[in-house]
Amino acid sequence: MSALRIPDIEAFEERAAIAEYDGGLTRLQAESLAATQQGFASAGAYWRWLADYVVNRGLG
């Protein structure tokens, strides 16, 4: 994933919810699926990137 591209948070949340409720996955499995669809290795990598972006680059 490019360091300059901000992940699509809405798409991530929507994809994870669909995978969890309609697909029968656990929340962690669903978030990992959503994260990989945006080019991250895992849900943990997605959340770490997002937290780093908010803390170090600021939002708003």
Protein backbone atom coordinates (compact mmCIF):
# COMPACT_ATOMS: atom_id res chain seq x y z
CA MET A 1 0.00 0.00 0.00
CA SER A 2 1.29 3.42 -0.88
CA ALA A 3 2.24 5.52 2.13
CA LEU A 4 0.40 8.48 0.60
CA ARG A 5 -2.92 6.73 0.07
CA ILE A 6 -5.38 6.87 2.94
CA PRO A 7 -7.41 3.66 3.31
CA ASP A 8 -11.13 3.83 2.60
CA ILE A 9 -12.46 3.48 6.15
CA GLU A 10 -16.11 3.27 5.09
CA ALA A 11 -15.37 0.47 2.61
CA PHE A 12 -13.30 -1.34 5.24
CA GLU A 13 -16.10 -1.20 7.83
CA GLU A 14 -18.78 -2.19 5.33
CA ARG A 15 -16.78 -5.11 3.93
CA ALA A 16 -15.93 -6.35 7.44
CA ALA A 17 -19.57 -6.14 8.57
CA ILE A 18 -20.80 -8.04 5.52
CA ALA A 19 -18.14 -10.73 5.90
CA GLU A 20 -18.89 -11.08 9.62
CA TYR A 21 -22.69 -11.18 9.51
CA ASP A 22 -23.43 -12.63 6.09
CA GLY A 23 -20.25 -14.67 5.74
CA GLY A 24 -20.17 -16.08 9.26
CA LEU A 25 -16.60 -14.96 9.92
CA THR A 26 -15.31 -13.78 13.27
CA ARG A 27 -14.75 -10.03 13.54
CA LEU A 28 -10.98 -10.54 13.31
CA GLN A 29 -11.32 -12.72 10.20
CA ALA A 30 -13.71 -10.22 8.63
CA GLU A 31 -11.40 -7.28 9.34
CA SER A 32 -8.43 -9.21 7.96
CA LEU A 33 -10.36 -9.88 4.76
CA ALA A 34 -11.35 -6.22 4.46
CA ALA A 35 -7.76 -5.13 5.12
CA THR A 36 -6.28 -7.44 2.51
CA GLN A 37 -8.76 -6.11 -0.04
CA GLN A 38 -7.19 -2.69 0.49
CA GLY A 39 -3.65 -4.00 0.15
CA PHE A 40 -2.72 -4.57 3.81
CA ALA A 41 -1.24 -7.82 5.10
CA SER A 42 -3.74 -8.08 7.97
CA ALA A 43 -6.26 -6.19 10.07
CA GLY A 44 -3.47 -5.41 12.53
CA ALA A 45 -1.41 -3.82 9.76
CA TYR A 46 -4.42 -1.76 8.69
CA TRP A 47 -5.10 -0.47 12.22
CA ARG A 48 -1.40 0.27 12.85
CA TRP A 49 -1.14 2.26 9.61
CA LEU A 50 -4.30 4.19 10.43
CA ALA A 51 -3.21 4.93 14.04
CA ASP A 52 0.21 6.07 12.83
CA TYR A 53 -1.40 8.34 10.27
CA VAL A 54 -3.71 9.95 12.82
CA VAL A 55 -0.99 10.43 15.45
CA ASN A 56 1.85 11.55 13.19
CA ARG A 57 0.14 13.34 10.34
CA GLY A 58 -3.10 14.42 11.94
CA LEU A 59 -6.60 14.39 10.62
CA GLY A 60 -8.91 17.35 10.50
